[in-house]
N, C-alpha and C. Protein backbone atom coordinates (compact mmCIF):
# COMPACT_ATOMS: atom_id res chain seq x y z
N MET A 1 163.51 29.59 161.14
CA MET A 1 163.58 29.45 162.72
C MET A 1 164.84 28.61 162.97
N SER A 2 165.29 29.35 163.88
CA SER A 2 166.55 28.58 164.59
C SER A 2 166.19 28.52 166.11
N THR A 3 166.49 27.33 166.98
CA THR A 3 166.35 26.71 168.15
C THR A 3 167.91 27.04 168.86
N THR A 4 168.14 27.27 170.09
CA THR A 4 169.11 27.08 170.51
C THR A 4 168.80 26.37 171.92
N LEU A 5 169.51 25.66 172.33
CA LEU A 5 169.59 24.80 173.61
C LEU A 5 170.93 25.15 174.30
N ASP A 6 170.22 25.59 175.67
CA ASP A 6 171.76 25.83 176.66
C ASP A 6 171.44 25.16 178.02
N LYS A 7 172.74 25.01 178.41
CA LYS A 7 172.96 24.22 179.56
C LYS A 7 172.19 23.04 179.65
N GLY A 8 172.43 22.03 178.87
CA GLY A 8 171.81 20.79 178.99
C GLY A 8 170.30 20.78 178.94
N MET A 9 169.52 21.44 178.16
CA MET A 9 168.17 21.40 177.61
C MET A 9 167.35 22.38 178.81
N GLN A 10 168.34 23.43 179.86
CA GLN A 10 167.24 23.81 180.86
C GLN A 10 166.96 25.23 180.33
N SER A 11 167.30 25.75 179.10
CA SER A 11 166.82 26.98 178.78
C SER A 11 166.39 27.04 177.24
N LEU A 12 165.21 26.94 176.64
CA LEU A 12 165.24 26.80 175.40
C LEU A 12 164.72 28.20 174.61
N ARG A 13 165.51 28.73 173.87
CA ARG A 13 165.09 29.91 172.85
C ARG A 13 164.70 29.52 171.30
N ILE A 14 163.61 30.13 171.10
CA ILE A 14 162.94 30.10 169.63
C ILE A 14 163.31 31.44 168.79
N ASP A 15 164.32 31.41 167.99
CA ASP A 15 164.44 32.91 167.22
C ASP A 15 163.61 32.91 166.05
N ASP A 16 162.76 33.48 165.83
CA ASP A 16 161.66 33.89 164.48
C ASP A 16 162.36 35.07 164.12
N MET A 17 163.50 35.49 164.56
CA MET A 17 163.82 36.70 163.38
C MET A 17 164.37 35.97 162.19
N ALA A 18 165.06 34.95 162.26
CA ALA A 18 165.69 34.02 161.20
C ALA A 18 164.69 34.06 159.87
N LEU A 19 163.55 33.68 160.32
CA LEU A 19 162.60 33.75 159.44
C LEU A 19 161.97 34.96 158.87
N LYS A 20 161.86 35.83 159.44
CA LYS A 20 161.70 37.32 158.76
C LYS A 20 162.72 37.76 157.83
N SER A 21 163.54 37.62 157.98
CA SER A 21 164.64 38.32 157.23
C SER A 21 165.14 36.91 156.17
N ALA A 22 164.57 36.02 155.97
CA ALA A 22 164.96 35.04 154.93
C ALA A 22 163.85 35.29 153.77
N PRO A 23 164.49 35.47 152.44
CA PRO A 23 163.82 35.89 151.34
C PRO A 23 163.09 34.65 151.30
N VAL A 24 161.39 35.09 151.10
CA VAL A 24 160.30 33.96 150.40
C VAL A 24 160.76 34.07 148.74
N PRO A 25 160.84 32.65 148.58
CA PRO A 25 160.86 32.10 147.17
C PRO A 25 160.40 32.55 146.07
N GLN A 26 160.43 33.16 145.07
CA GLN A 26 159.39 33.78 144.26
C GLN A 26 159.00 32.71 143.12
N ALA A 27 158.10 32.77 142.64
CA ALA A 27 158.01 31.96 141.49
C ALA A 27 159.12 32.14 140.15
N THR A 28 159.27 31.33 140.18
CA THR A 28 160.72 30.81 139.19
C THR A 28 160.00 31.17 137.64
N LYS A 29 160.75 32.22 136.99
CA LYS A 29 160.16 32.21 135.69
C LYS A 29 161.14 31.52 134.98
N LYS A 30 160.76 30.99 133.17
CA LYS A 30 161.42 30.04 132.61
C LYS A 30 162.70 30.63 131.98
N VAL A 31 163.50 30.41 132.32
CA VAL A 31 164.85 30.93 131.82
C VAL A 31 165.18 29.92 130.63
N MET A 32 165.49 30.75 129.35
CA MET A 32 165.62 30.32 128.16
C MET A 32 167.21 29.91 127.96
N ARG A 33 167.71 29.15 127.27
CA ARG A 33 168.87 28.70 127.17
C ARG A 33 169.52 29.78 126.38
N PRO A 34 171.02 29.78 126.50
CA PRO A 34 171.34 30.61 125.46
C PRO A 34 171.53 29.97 124.17
N ARG A 35 171.37 30.93 123.22
CA ARG A 35 171.73 30.42 121.62
C ARG A 35 173.14 29.83 121.62
N PRO A 36 173.00 28.66 120.71
CA PRO A 36 174.22 27.86 120.50
C PRO A 36 175.06 28.96 119.93
N LYS A 37 176.57 28.85 119.64
CA LYS A 37 177.42 29.41 119.03
C LYS A 37 177.68 28.94 117.64
N PHE A 38 177.80 27.51 117.59
CA PHE A 38 177.96 26.48 116.23
C PHE A 38 176.66 25.70 116.21
N HIS A 39 176.19 25.31 115.11
CA HIS A 39 175.28 24.56 115.04
C HIS A 39 175.99 22.96 115.44
N LYS A 40 175.12 21.77 115.46
CA LYS A 40 175.89 20.56 115.79
C LYS A 40 176.30 20.16 114.29
N ARG A 41 177.47 19.62 114.84
CA ARG A 41 178.37 18.79 113.48
C ARG A 41 177.54 17.57 112.99
N LEU A 42 177.19 17.54 111.83
CA LEU A 42 176.76 16.25 111.36
C LEU A 42 177.51 15.06 111.19
N HIS A 43 178.95 15.58 111.27
CA HIS A 43 180.02 14.41 110.93
C HIS A 43 181.38 15.19 111.70
N PRO A 44 182.14 14.44 111.96
CA PRO A 44 183.30 14.75 112.74
C PRO A 44 183.93 15.56 111.87
N SER A 45 184.25 15.21 110.52
CA SER A 45 185.04 16.08 109.55
C SER A 45 184.57 17.41 108.93
N HIS A 46 183.18 17.59 109.66
CA HIS A 46 182.61 19.25 109.44
C HIS A 46 183.14 20.04 109.70
N ALA A 47 183.43 21.29 109.08
CA ALA A 47 183.70 22.81 109.72
C ALA A 47 182.76 23.01 110.63
N ASP A 48 182.95 23.89 111.70
CA ASP A 48 181.79 24.33 112.61
C ASP A 48 181.35 25.70 111.97
N ILE A 49 180.01 25.39 112.18
CA ILE A 49 178.86 26.72 111.30
C ILE A 49 178.43 27.07 112.49
N PRO A 50 178.93 28.65 112.34
CA PRO A 50 178.28 29.40 113.51
C PRO A 50 176.88 29.44 113.34
N PHE A 51 176.08 29.46 114.61
CA PHE A 51 174.60 29.73 114.50
C PHE A 51 174.16 30.73 113.56
N ILE A 52 172.96 30.85 112.82
CA ILE A 52 172.24 31.66 111.99
C ILE A 52 171.95 32.93 112.79
N PRO A 53 172.37 33.87 112.29
CA PRO A 53 171.94 35.36 113.36
C PRO A 53 170.64 35.46 113.74
N GLU A 54 170.54 36.12 114.73
CA GLU A 54 168.73 36.00 115.40
C GLU A 54 168.15 36.71 114.60
N GLU A 55 168.73 38.05 113.75
CA GLU A 55 167.77 38.54 112.81
C GLU A 55 167.04 37.80 112.26
N ARG A 56 167.44 36.75 111.83
CA ARG A 56 166.61 35.70 111.00
C ARG A 56 165.05 35.24 111.66
N ASP A 57 165.27 35.22 112.93
CA ASP A 57 163.90 35.01 113.63
C ASP A 57 162.94 36.11 112.79
N THR A 58 163.27 37.33 112.72
CA THR A 58 162.41 38.45 112.30
C THR A 58 162.17 38.69 111.03
N CYS A 59 163.36 38.14 110.01
CA CYS A 59 162.83 38.23 108.72
C CYS A 59 162.87 36.71 108.10
N THR A 60 161.34 36.67 108.06
CA THR A 60 160.92 35.12 107.78
C THR A 60 160.74 35.26 106.12
N HIS A 61 160.78 36.36 105.51
CA HIS A 61 160.41 36.29 104.07
C HIS A 61 161.93 36.15 103.07
N HIS A 62 162.93 36.01 103.54
CA HIS A 62 164.11 35.54 102.90
C HIS A 62 165.09 34.63 103.76
N TYR A 63 165.73 33.70 102.81
CA TYR A 63 166.33 33.00 103.44
C TYR A 63 167.88 33.39 103.74
N TRP A 64 168.51 32.48 104.43
CA TRP A 64 169.94 32.74 104.82
C TRP A 64 171.05 31.92 104.33
N HIS A 65 172.09 32.51 103.64
CA HIS A 65 173.48 31.56 103.17
C HIS A 65 174.65 31.58 104.05
N PHE A 66 175.55 30.64 104.33
CA PHE A 66 176.51 30.98 104.82
C PHE A 66 177.93 30.60 104.05
N GLY A 67 178.67 31.54 103.80
CA GLY A 67 179.83 31.56 102.71
C GLY A 67 180.61 32.88 102.58
N TRP A 68 180.96 33.37 101.26
CA TRP A 68 181.63 34.41 101.15
C TRP A 68 181.10 35.40 99.98
N PRO A 69 180.94 36.84 100.67
CA PRO A 69 180.81 37.68 99.33
C PRO A 69 181.58 37.77 98.58
N ILE A 70 181.32 37.68 97.01
CA ILE A 70 182.56 37.77 95.99
C ILE A 70 182.15 39.21 95.39
N SER A 71 183.35 39.89 95.13
CA SER A 71 183.37 41.11 94.18
C SER A 71 184.05 40.94 92.95
N ASP A 72 183.49 41.67 92.01
CA ASP A 72 184.36 41.32 90.64
C ASP A 72 185.96 41.42 90.86
N ASP A 73 186.41 42.46 91.44
CA ASP A 73 187.74 42.54 91.75
C ASP A 73 188.50 41.20 92.46
N LEU A 74 187.64 40.49 93.11
CA LEU A 74 188.15 39.07 93.31
C LEU A 74 188.25 38.01 92.67
N VAL A 75 186.96 38.11 91.55
CA VAL A 75 186.59 37.24 90.77
C VAL A 75 188.08 37.44 89.61
N ASN A 76 188.42 38.79 89.19
CA ASN A 76 189.44 39.16 87.97
C ASN A 76 190.70 38.62 88.59
N ASN A 77 191.04 39.10 90.26
CA ASN A 77 192.15 38.18 90.61
C ASN A 77 192.49 36.94 90.68
N VAL A 78 191.51 36.21 90.89
CA VAL A 78 191.72 34.73 90.91
C VAL A 78 191.83 34.15 89.48
N LEU A 79 191.07 35.03 88.53
CA LEU A 79 191.24 34.41 87.40
C LEU A 79 192.36 34.56 86.55
N ASP A 80 192.94 35.93 87.07
CA ASP A 80 194.44 36.35 86.49
C ASP A 80 195.30 35.50 87.13
N THR A 81 195.23 35.12 88.33
CA THR A 81 196.38 34.39 88.94
C THR A 81 196.38 32.87 88.53
N TYR A 82 195.25 32.36 88.13
CA TYR A 82 195.43 31.00 87.64
C TYR A 82 195.00 30.64 86.49
N LEU A 83 194.52 31.83 85.79
CA LEU A 83 194.18 31.74 84.36
C LEU A 83 194.83 32.91 83.81
N PRO A 84 195.76 33.12 83.54
CA PRO A 84 196.40 34.53 83.00
C PRO A 84 195.60 35.14 81.88
N ASN A 85 195.53 34.33 80.81
CA ASN A 85 194.89 34.87 79.44
C ASN A 85 193.78 35.20 79.39
N TYR A 86 193.06 34.05 80.61
CA TYR A 86 191.38 34.44 80.55
C TYR A 86 191.04 35.65 80.22
N LEU A 87 191.07 36.50 80.89
CA LEU A 87 190.84 37.89 81.23
C LEU A 87 191.03 38.94 79.85
N ASN A 88 191.96 38.54 78.62
CA ASN A 88 192.28 39.09 77.69
C ASN A 88 191.03 39.03 76.66
N ASP A 89 190.30 38.15 76.71
CA ASP A 89 188.85 38.13 75.81
C ASP A 89 187.60 38.73 76.87
N ASP A 90 186.77 39.36 76.22
CA ASP A 90 185.72 39.86 76.88
C ASP A 90 184.56 39.07 77.03
N HIS A 91 184.48 38.46 78.32
CA HIS A 91 183.54 37.55 78.54
C HIS A 91 181.96 37.98 79.07
N PRO A 92 180.95 37.33 79.07
CA PRO A 92 179.81 38.10 79.79
C PRO A 92 180.01 37.88 81.09
N PRO A 93 179.28 38.35 82.01
CA PRO A 93 179.48 37.86 83.63
C PRO A 93 178.89 36.83 84.06
N THR A 94 177.99 36.37 83.35
CA THR A 94 178.04 34.76 83.26
C THR A 94 178.90 33.73 83.17
N VAL A 95 179.32 33.89 82.43
CA VAL A 95 180.47 32.96 81.72
C VAL A 95 181.69 33.14 82.43
N LYS A 96 182.09 34.44 82.65
CA LYS A 96 183.30 34.86 83.84
C LYS A 96 183.07 34.06 85.32
N TYR A 97 182.00 34.25 85.80
CA TYR A 97 181.59 33.76 86.85
C TYR A 97 181.52 32.16 86.89
N ALA A 98 181.03 31.82 85.94
CA ALA A 98 180.95 29.97 85.96
C ALA A 98 182.19 29.62 85.86
N CYS A 99 183.38 30.18 85.11
CA CYS A 99 184.89 29.73 85.30
C CYS A 99 185.50 29.98 86.58
N PHE A 100 184.87 30.92 87.20
CA PHE A 100 185.51 31.24 88.90
C PHE A 100 185.22 30.25 89.59
N SER A 101 183.88 29.73 89.37
CA SER A 101 182.91 28.95 90.35
C SER A 101 183.80 27.74 90.02
N GLY A 102 184.06 27.25 88.59
CA GLY A 102 184.49 25.78 88.46
C GLY A 102 186.06 25.95 88.96
N LEU A 103 186.92 26.83 88.62
CA LEU A 103 188.31 26.85 89.41
C LEU A 103 188.30 26.88 90.61
N VAL A 104 187.34 27.71 91.40
CA VAL A 104 187.56 27.45 92.92
C VAL A 104 186.85 26.15 93.54
N LYS A 105 186.04 25.38 92.87
CA LYS A 105 185.85 24.05 93.17
C LYS A 105 186.79 23.26 93.09
N LYS A 106 187.83 23.31 92.06
CA LYS A 106 188.80 22.43 91.92
C LYS A 106 189.86 22.70 92.85
N LEU A 107 190.23 24.14 93.04
CA LEU A 107 191.36 24.32 94.19
C LEU A 107 190.85 24.09 95.42
N THR A 108 189.81 24.02 96.02
CA THR A 108 189.44 23.63 97.03
C THR A 108 189.04 22.54 97.29
N GLN A 109 188.69 21.50 96.53
CA GLN A 109 187.90 20.17 96.26
C GLN A 109 186.74 20.34 97.19
N CYS A 110 186.03 21.51 96.92
CA CYS A 110 184.38 21.64 97.52
C CYS A 110 183.34 21.60 96.30
N PRO A 111 182.84 20.70 95.86
CA PRO A 111 181.67 20.81 94.89
C PRO A 111 180.63 21.45 95.28
N ALA A 112 180.02 21.67 96.55
CA ALA A 112 178.98 22.31 96.81
C ALA A 112 179.27 23.38 97.02
N LEU A 113 179.77 24.56 96.17
CA LEU A 113 179.42 25.97 96.19
C LEU A 113 178.51 26.25 95.06
N ARG A 114 177.86 27.23 95.43
CA ARG A 114 176.90 27.62 94.65
C ARG A 114 176.65 29.37 94.93
N PHE A 115 176.42 30.11 93.48
CA PHE A 115 176.03 31.51 93.65
C PHE A 115 174.66 31.88 94.22
N VAL A 116 174.59 32.89 94.86
CA VAL A 116 173.64 33.59 94.82
C VAL A 116 173.52 35.03 95.06
N LEU A 117 172.41 35.71 95.55
CA LEU A 117 172.60 37.11 95.70
C LEU A 117 172.24 37.55 97.41
N VAL A 118 173.01 38.52 97.80
CA VAL A 118 172.71 38.67 99.29
C VAL A 118 172.50 40.17 99.28
N LYS A 119 172.07 40.72 100.29
CA LYS A 119 171.79 42.06 100.47
C LYS A 119 172.94 42.64 100.62
N PRO A 120 173.11 43.89 100.38
CA PRO A 120 174.71 44.52 100.44
C PRO A 120 174.77 44.90 102.19
N ASN A 121 175.86 45.02 102.77
CA ASN A 121 175.99 45.99 104.06
C ASN A 121 177.46 46.63 104.01
N ALA A 122 177.98 46.67 105.17
CA ALA A 122 179.02 47.85 105.40
C ALA A 122 180.30 47.07 104.68
N SER A 123 180.20 45.85 105.02
CA SER A 123 181.71 44.99 104.69
C SER A 123 181.52 44.55 103.43
N ALA A 124 180.35 44.19 102.57
CA ALA A 124 179.98 44.25 101.21
C ALA A 124 179.33 44.79 100.57
N PRO A 125 179.61 46.33 100.30
CA PRO A 125 178.80 47.35 99.48
C PRO A 125 178.73 47.21 98.18
N TRP A 126 179.29 46.56 97.72
CA TRP A 126 179.84 46.55 95.87
C TRP A 126 178.56 45.67 95.26
N GLN A 127 178.32 46.09 94.23
CA GLN A 127 176.99 45.56 93.05
C GLN A 127 177.33 44.48 92.51
N SER A 128 176.41 43.62 92.51
CA SER A 128 176.92 42.23 91.68
C SER A 128 176.60 42.40 90.26
N PRO A 129 177.44 41.95 89.37
CA PRO A 129 177.04 42.15 87.84
C PRO A 129 176.24 41.13 87.38
N LEU A 130 175.47 40.32 88.31
CA LEU A 130 174.51 38.94 88.02
C LEU A 130 173.28 39.62 88.51
N ALA A 131 173.22 40.47 89.12
CA ALA A 131 172.08 41.03 89.67
C ALA A 131 170.98 41.59 88.52
N ASP A 132 169.64 41.61 88.60
CA ASP A 132 168.85 42.14 87.73
C ASP A 132 168.84 43.95 87.88
N ASP A 133 168.60 44.54 86.84
CA ASP A 133 168.20 46.24 86.64
C ASP A 133 167.77 46.41 87.95
N GLY A 134 168.31 47.52 88.57
CA GLY A 134 167.83 47.91 89.63
C GLY A 134 168.03 47.05 91.00
N GLU A 135 168.29 46.03 91.12
CA GLU A 135 168.14 45.13 91.79
C GLU A 135 169.54 45.47 92.83
N LYS A 136 169.23 45.66 94.19
CA LYS A 136 170.65 45.81 94.85
C LYS A 136 171.04 44.59 95.50
N ALA A 137 172.44 43.93 94.80
CA ALA A 137 172.64 42.73 95.58
C ALA A 137 174.15 42.42 95.38
N VAL A 138 174.66 41.71 96.32
CA VAL A 138 176.18 41.19 95.99
C VAL A 138 176.33 39.89 95.86
N THR A 139 177.12 39.48 94.72
CA THR A 139 177.20 38.14 94.56
C THR A 139 177.82 37.30 95.81
N PHE A 140 177.31 36.10 96.05
CA PHE A 140 177.96 35.14 97.19
C PHE A 140 178.05 33.72 97.04
N LEU A 141 178.72 33.30 97.46
CA LEU A 141 179.67 31.92 97.02
C LEU A 141 178.75 31.10 98.53
N MET A 142 177.93 30.28 98.38
CA MET A 142 177.32 29.89 99.06
C MET A 142 177.80 28.44 99.65
N VAL A 143 177.92 28.04 100.63
CA VAL A 143 178.26 26.66 101.04
C VAL A 143 177.20 25.94 101.96
N VAL A 144 176.35 26.83 102.44
CA VAL A 144 175.48 26.37 103.61
C VAL A 144 174.24 27.33 103.59
N SER A 145 172.86 26.80 103.47
CA SER A 145 171.87 27.54 103.44
C SER A 145 170.48 26.77 104.12
N ASP A 146 169.99 27.98 104.46
CA ASP A 146 168.67 27.40 105.32
C ASP A 146 167.36 27.15 104.45
N CYS A 147 167.68 27.20 103.49
CA CYS A 147 166.73 27.36 102.28
C CYS A 147 165.66 26.21 102.18
N SER A 148 166.58 24.79 102.55
CA SER A 148 166.07 23.39 102.75
C SER A 148 167.10 22.53 103.41
N THR A 149 166.18 21.39 103.68
CA THR A 149 167.09 20.40 104.82
C THR A 149 168.46 20.04 104.04
N ALA A 150 167.93 20.01 102.67
CA ALA A 150 169.33 19.06 102.04
C ALA A 150 170.67 20.46 101.79
N PHE A 151 170.44 21.63 101.79
CA PHE A 151 171.21 22.63 101.63
C PHE A 151 171.87 22.63 102.78
N PHE A 152 171.07 22.66 104.11
CA PHE A 152 171.78 22.86 105.34
C PHE A 152 172.39 21.72 105.90
N LYS A 153 172.16 20.69 105.24
CA LYS A 153 172.77 19.22 105.53
C LYS A 153 174.25 19.15 105.17
N LYS A 154 174.32 19.58 103.75
CA LYS A 154 175.23 19.55 102.87
C LYS A 154 176.68 20.72 103.34
N ARG A 155 177.48 20.02 104.04
CA ARG A 155 178.36 20.92 104.74
C ARG A 155 179.85 20.58 104.82
N PRO A 156 180.62 21.61 104.20
CA PRO A 156 181.80 21.78 103.93
C PRO A 156 182.77 20.85 105.26
N THR A 157 183.73 20.18 104.99
CA THR A 157 184.76 19.83 105.53
C THR A 157 185.57 20.98 106.56
N LYS A 158 186.45 20.45 107.33
CA LYS A 158 187.42 21.76 107.81
C LYS A 158 188.42 21.89 107.14
N ASP A 159 188.84 20.79 106.08
CA ASP A 159 190.05 20.98 105.00
C ASP A 159 189.37 22.03 104.12
N GLN A 160 188.25 21.72 103.40
CA GLN A 160 187.68 22.76 102.57
C GLN A 160 187.45 23.90 102.71
N VAL A 161 187.13 24.13 103.88
CA VAL A 161 186.88 25.64 104.69
C VAL A 161 188.11 26.51 104.73
N GLY A 162 189.22 25.47 105.27
CA GLY A 162 190.57 25.97 105.19
C GLY A 162 191.15 26.63 103.73
N ARG A 163 190.95 25.65 103.07
CA ARG A 163 191.15 26.03 101.37
C ARG A 163 190.15 27.27 101.25
N LEU A 164 189.09 27.24 101.32
CA LEU A 164 188.30 28.37 100.66
C LEU A 164 188.67 29.70 101.76
N VAL A 165 189.13 29.74 102.61
CA VAL A 165 189.37 31.02 103.75
C VAL A 165 191.05 31.36 103.04
N ARG A 166 191.53 30.45 102.42
CA ARG A 166 193.16 30.74 101.91
C ARG A 166 192.72 31.68 100.57
N VAL A 167 191.78 31.00 99.61
CA VAL A 167 191.50 31.66 98.28
C VAL A 167 190.79 32.91 98.73
N PHE A 168 190.00 33.03 99.48
CA PHE A 168 189.17 34.48 99.44
C PHE A 168 189.68 35.25 100.60
N GLY A 169 190.64 34.69 101.26
CA GLY A 169 191.38 35.89 102.51
C GLY A 169 190.30 36.27 103.49
N SER A 170 189.15 35.31 104.00
CA SER A 170 188.43 36.00 105.05
C SER A 170 187.84 34.56 105.19
N GLU A 171 187.04 34.81 106.61
CA GLU A 171 186.25 33.69 107.15
C GLU A 171 184.86 33.99 106.28
N PRO A 172 184.41 32.96 106.27
CA PRO A 172 182.85 32.63 105.82
C PRO A 172 181.91 33.35 106.82
N CYS A 173 180.59 33.79 106.41
CA CYS A 173 179.52 34.60 107.27
C CYS A 173 178.54 34.19 106.79
N TRP A 174 177.37 34.66 107.58
CA TRP A 174 175.83 34.29 107.25
C TRP A 174 175.46 35.47 106.73
N MET A 175 174.67 35.83 105.51
CA MET A 175 173.79 36.94 105.05
C MET A 175 172.75 36.46 104.31
N MET A 176 172.02 37.41 104.24
CA MET A 176 170.52 37.30 103.92
C MET A 176 170.23 37.32 102.50
N ASP A 177 169.53 36.50 101.87
CA ASP A 177 169.34 36.36 100.51
C ASP A 177 168.80 38.03 100.10
N ALA A 178 169.17 38.51 98.84
CA ALA A 178 168.70 39.91 98.31
C ALA A 178 167.16 39.70 97.81
N ARG A 179 167.03 38.36 97.25
CA ARG A 179 165.30 37.80 96.91
C ARG A 179 164.56 37.20 97.88
N PRO A 180 163.34 37.47 97.87
CA PRO A 180 162.26 36.91 98.69
C PRO A 180 162.66 35.37 98.38
N LYS A 181 161.92 34.60 99.30
CA LYS A 181 161.67 33.12 99.24
C LYS A 181 160.92 32.96 97.99
N SER A 182 160.44 33.37 97.59
CA SER A 182 159.20 33.09 96.49
C SER A 182 160.15 33.13 94.98
N ARG A 183 161.28 33.54 95.11
CA ARG A 183 161.86 33.83 93.92
C ARG A 183 163.28 32.97 94.32
N TRP A 184 163.40 32.04 95.21
CA TRP A 184 164.49 31.20 95.02
C TRP A 184 164.96 30.20 94.13
N HIS A 185 163.65 29.99 93.20
CA HIS A 185 163.42 28.89 92.08
C HIS A 185 164.58 29.44 91.10
N GLU A 186 164.80 30.82 91.12
CA GLU A 186 165.20 31.49 89.91
C GLU A 186 166.98 31.02 89.92
N TYR A 187 167.52 31.11 91.13
CA TYR A 187 168.66 30.46 90.96
C TYR A 187 169.05 29.07 90.17
N GLY A 188 168.02 28.30 90.13
CA GLY A 188 168.32 27.01 89.75
C GLY A 188 169.14 26.04 90.41
N HIS A 189 169.07 26.16 91.69
CA HIS A 189 169.92 25.12 92.37
C HIS A 189 169.05 24.10 93.09
N THR A 190 169.76 22.83 92.61
CA THR A 190 168.78 21.46 93.32
C THR A 190 169.70 20.97 94.27
N ALA A 191 169.32 20.29 95.13
CA ALA A 191 170.13 19.97 96.27
C ALA A 191 170.79 18.56 95.85
């Protein structure tokens, strides 16, 4: 409602049209905050860890891991580069991957690297030699996981992630475990 005073209050006009055209406030809906892009750093030296994909909210029977998918070709290339004669002998996959893991831990000074198996996708379609017969899985070098508070809080530093990116040639990503949560103990990882 608006009022207008003319000629020193000799004429007063009330305009109700302003009321009719003003929007009536609606009941406000609860607006959810947008999902953060990165998890909160636990220490200033920690690397930025992107937020776990929203797909995790609907896939409640599998853990999610942050790290790098590892192909057998990559393992062979790294071993051949840093231990040239190692591949001359025929090693079982478990021994070869353990040697690779130890080498990467030394090169990157990142001791919290663990192997897990993740579901294949378009960017990582290869089959892991560490998977069970008939199991479709990709070898994955995990640095952070949502499997427990301890694995989630043990985060690499910015420098460690930088060195890992140089070794693997790509940025880390979140991927879903190939095995259900009930089989987590089979990896043998402890915090």
